[in-house]
Amino acid sequence: MNERLGVDLKVQRILKGVSQEKMAEDLNISRSKVSSWETGRREMSLYDAVIISDYFDVSMDNLFNKKALNSEQVLQIAKRYFENDKISLEEKKETLKKILYFKSKREAKEII
């Protein structure tokens, strides 16, 4: 699974307001599997994608965010994420780096 799809999965998880641990528990899988999907280190099977889209109650297209989030959704995600004391400062820094990376990539495509 590529890194972009992993970020989209993480966005869905944060929108639902669940931790990696809770999601893993609900789906009867390991937390490391969820983490590996979100970081792009592990491929997601079609079966897993179907189960996860059902878990988030979204279509497969929405699961992998084929459309852009509106600004209100982005603010909601950011607020939940950055106010969560269970998330380490290091993870928050890494997430910001990824957001800036994808933002700059998207802006570069728009210029071209």
C-alpha atoms as a PDB file:
ATOM      1  CA  MET A   1       0.000   0.000   0.000  1.00  0.00           C
ATOM      2  CA  ASN A   2       1.446   3.351  -0.849  1.00  0.00           C
ATOM      3  CA  GLU A   3       1.995   6.076   1.702  1.00  0.00           C
ATOM      4  CA  ARG A   4      -0.849   8.247   0.392  1.00  0.00           C
ATOM      5  CA  LEU A   5      -3.416   5.481   0.915  1.00  0.00           C
ATOM      6  CA  GLY A   6      -2.046   4.993   4.411  1.00  0.00           C
ATOM      7  CA  VAL A   7      -2.563   8.667   5.188  1.00  0.00           C
ATOM      8  CA  ASP A   8      -6.135   8.415   3.853  1.00  0.00           C
ATOM      9  CA  LEU A   9      -6.757   5.438   6.139  1.00  0.00           C
ATOM     10  CA  LYS A  10      -5.397   7.377   9.108  1.00  0.00           C
ATOM     11  CA  VAL A  11      -7.673  10.309   8.261  1.00  0.00           C
ATOM     12  CA  GLN A  12     -10.703   8.003   8.282  1.00  0.00           C
ATOM     13  CA  ARG A  13      -9.628   6.553  11.626  1.00  0.00           C
ATOM     14  CA  ILE A  14      -9.184  10.008  13.161  1.00  0.00           C
ATOM     15  CA  LEU A  15     -12.537  11.168  11.776  1.00  0.00           C
ATOM     16  CA  LYS A  16     -14.140   8.188  13.509  1.00  0.00           C
ATOM     17  CA  GLY A  17     -12.308   9.195  16.690  1.00  0.00           C
ATOM     18  CA  VAL A  18     -10.657   5.840  17.362  1.00  0.00           C
ATOM     19  CA  SER A  19      -7.097   4.934  18.201  1.00  0.00           C
ATOM     20  CA  GLN A  20      -5.086   2.328  16.330  1.00  0.00           C
ATOM     21  CA  GLU A  21      -5.571   0.070  19.351  1.00  0.00           C
ATOM     22  CA  LYS A  22      -9.366   0.464  19.327  1.00  0.00           C
ATOM     23  CA  MET A  23      -9.595  -0.091  15.584  1.00  0.00           C
ATOM     24  CA  ALA A  24      -7.438  -3.221  15.857  1.00  0.00           C
ATOM     25  CA  GLU A  25      -9.544  -4.521  18.727  1.00  0.00           C
ATOM     26  CA  ASP A  26     -12.814  -3.849  16.859  1.00  0.00           C
ATOM     27  CA  LEU A  27     -11.519  -5.612  13.714  1.00  0.00           C
ATOM     28  CA  ASN A  28      -9.802  -8.415  15.655  1.00  0.00           C
ATOM     29  CA  ILE A  29      -6.390  -7.662  14.155  1.00  0.00           C
ATOM     30  CA  SER A  30      -3.089  -6.476  15.595  1.00  0.00           C
ATOM     31  CA  ARG A  31      -2.353  -2.804  16.193  1.00  0.00           C
ATOM     32  CA  SER A  32       0.905  -3.266  14.284  1.00  0.00           C
ATOM     33  CA  LYS A  33      -1.110  -4.258  11.202  1.00  0.00           C
ATOM     34  CA  VAL A  34      -3.063  -0.991  11.395  1.00  0.00           C
ATOM     35  CA  SER A  35       0.172   0.937  11.895  1.00  0.00           C
ATOM     36  CA  SER A  36       1.794  -0.831   8.936  1.00  0.00           C
ATOM     37  CA  TRP A  37      -1.124   0.081   6.679  1.00  0.00           C
ATOM     38  CA  GLU A  38      -1.021   3.710   7.781  1.00  0.00           C
ATOM     39  CA  THR A  39       2.705   4.020   7.154  1.00  0.00           C
ATOM     40  CA  GLY A  40       2.532   2.194   3.819  1.00  0.00           C
ATOM     41  CA  ARG A  41       4.786  -0.642   4.987  1.00  0.00           C
ATOM     42  CA  ARG A  42       2.111  -3.275   4.415  1.00  0.00           C
ATOM     43  CA  GLU A  43      -0.283  -3.960   1.561  1.00  0.00           C
ATOM     44  CA  MET A  44      -3.983  -4.140   2.359  1.00  0.00           C
ATOM     45  CA  SER A  45      -5.902  -7.040   0.864  1.00  0.00           C
ATOM     46  CA  LEU A  46      -9.187  -6.449  -0.908  1.00  0.00           C
ATOM     47  CA  TYR A  47     -10.891  -8.342   1.918  1.00  0.00           C
ATOM     48  CA  ASP A  48      -9.351  -6.000   4.496  1.00  0.00           C
ATOM     49  CA  ALA A  49     -10.370  -2.947   2.449  1.00  0.00           C
ATOM     50  CA  VAL A  50     -13.987  -4.158   2.334  1.00  0.00           C
ATOM     51  CA  ILE A  51     -14.033  -4.841   6.083  1.00  0.00           C
ATOM     52  CA  ILE A  52     -12.464  -1.448   6.818  1.00  0.00           C
ATOM     53  CA  SER A  53     -14.825   0.478   4.529  1.00  0.00           C
ATOM     54  CA  ASP A  54     -17.706  -1.197   6.375  1.00  0.00           C
ATOM     55  CA  TYR A  55     -16.093  -0.328   9.730  1.00  0.00           C
ATOM     56  CA  PHE A  56     -15.904   3.342   8.784  1.00  0.00           C
ATOM     57  CA  ASP A  57     -19.290   3.186   7.015  1.00  0.00           C
ATOM     58  CA  VAL A  58     -17.846   4.697   3.843  1.00  0.00           C
ATOM     59  CA  SER A  59     -17.573   3.538   0.248  1.00  0.00           C
ATOM     60  CA  MET A  60     -14.269   2.169  -1.009  1.00  0.00           C
ATOM     61  CA  ASP A  61     -13.766   5.452  -2.920  1.00  0.00           C
ATOM     62  CA  ASN A  62     -14.270   7.486   0.237  1.00  0.00           C
ATOM     63  CA  LEU A  63     -12.086   5.129   2.242  1.00  0.00           C
ATOM     64  CA  PHE A  64      -9.164   6.029   0.021  1.00  0.00           C
ATOM     65  CA  ASN A  65     -10.241   9.670  -0.260  1.00  0.00           C
ATOM     66  CA  LYS A  66     -10.717  10.128  -3.980  1.00  0.00           C
ATOM     67  CA  LYS A  67     -12.135  13.561  -3.243  1.00  0.00           C
ATOM     68  CA  ALA A  68     -10.581  16.385  -1.290  1.00  0.00           C
ATOM     69  CA  LEU A  69     -11.590  17.098   2.274  1.00  0.00           C
ATOM     70  CA  ASN A  70     -13.257  20.412   2.934  1.00  0.00           C
ATOM     71  CA  SER A  71     -11.627  22.857   5.322  1.00  0.00           C
ATOM     72  CA  GLU A  72     -14.064  22.103   8.150  1.00  0.00           C
ATOM     73  CA  GLN A  73     -13.174  18.396   8.000  1.00  0.00           C
ATOM     74  CA  VAL A  74      -9.470  19.196   7.980  1.00  0.00           C
ATOM     75  CA  LEU A  75      -9.849  21.425  11.050  1.00  0.00           C
ATOM     76  CA  GLN A  76     -11.877  18.742  12.824  1.00  0.00           C
ATOM     77  CA  ILE A  77      -9.199  16.135  12.151  1.00  0.00           C
ATOM     78  CA  ALA A  78      -6.391  18.444  13.211  1.00  0.00           C
ATOM     79  CA  LYS A  79      -8.140  19.413  16.430  1.00  0.00           C
ATOM     80  CA  ARG A  80      -8.841  15.808  17.454  1.00  0.00           C
ATOM     81  CA  TYR A  81      -5.366  14.694  16.535  1.00  0.00           C
ATOM     82  CA  PHE A  82      -3.279  17.447  18.069  1.00  0.00           C
ATOM     83  CA  GLU A  83      -5.333  17.664  21.266  1.00  0.00           C
ATOM     84  CA  ASN A  84      -4.963  13.936  21.883  1.00  0.00           C
ATOM     85  CA  ASP A  85      -2.481  13.552  24.735  1.00  0.00           C
ATOM     86  CA  LYS A  86      -2.037   9.846  23.955  1.00  0.00           C
ATOM     87  CA  ILE A  87      -0.241  10.727  20.716  1.00  0.00           C
ATOM     88  CA  SER A  88       3.434  11.407  21.222  1.00  0.00           C
ATOM     89  CA  LEU A  89       5.017  14.677  20.209  1.00  0.00           C
ATOM     90  CA  GLU A  90       7.249  12.733  17.800  1.00  0.00           C
ATOM     91  CA  GLU A  91       4.241  11.205  16.009  1.00  0.00           C
ATOM     92  CA  LYS A  92       2.627  14.629  15.774  1.00  0.00           C
ATOM     93  CA  LYS A  93       5.817  16.054  14.228  1.00  0.00           C
ATOM     94  CA  GLU A  94       6.014  13.185  11.725  1.00  0.00           C
ATOM     95  CA  THR A  95       2.362  13.688  10.780  1.00  0.00           C
ATOM     96  CA  LEU A  96       2.953  17.392  10.161  1.00  0.00           C
ATOM     97  CA  LYS A  97       5.939  16.538   7.948  1.00  0.00           C
ATOM     98  CA  LYS A  98       3.758  14.159   5.892  1.00  0.00           C
ATOM     99  CA  ILE A  99       0.992  16.734   5.581  1.00  0.00           C
ATOM    100  CA  LEU A 100       3.456  19.344   4.351  1.00  0.00           C
ATOM    101  CA  TYR A 101       5.046  16.824   1.959  1.00  0.00           C
ATOM    102  CA  PHE A 102       1.712  15.929   0.337  1.00  0.00           C
ATOM    103  CA  LYS A 103       0.612  19.560   0.299  1.00  0.00           C
ATOM    104  CA  SER A 104       3.780  20.610  -1.530  1.00  0.00           C
ATOM    105  CA  LYS A 105       3.432  17.699  -3.967  1.00  0.00           C
ATOM    106  CA  ARG A 106      -0.159  18.684  -4.744  1.00  0.00           C
ATOM    107  CA  GLU A 107       0.797  22.338  -5.241  1.00  0.00           C
ATOM    108  CA  ALA A 108       3.627  21.322  -7.562  1.00  0.00           C
ATOM    109  CA  LYS A 109       1.165  19.322  -9.708  1.00  0.00           C
ATOM    110  CA  GLU A 110      -1.207  22.312  -9.881  1.00  0.00           C
ATOM    111  CA  ILE A 111       1.595  24.557 -11.132  1.00  0.00           C
ATOM    112  CA  ILE A 112       2.590  22.080 -13.844  1.00  0.00           C
END
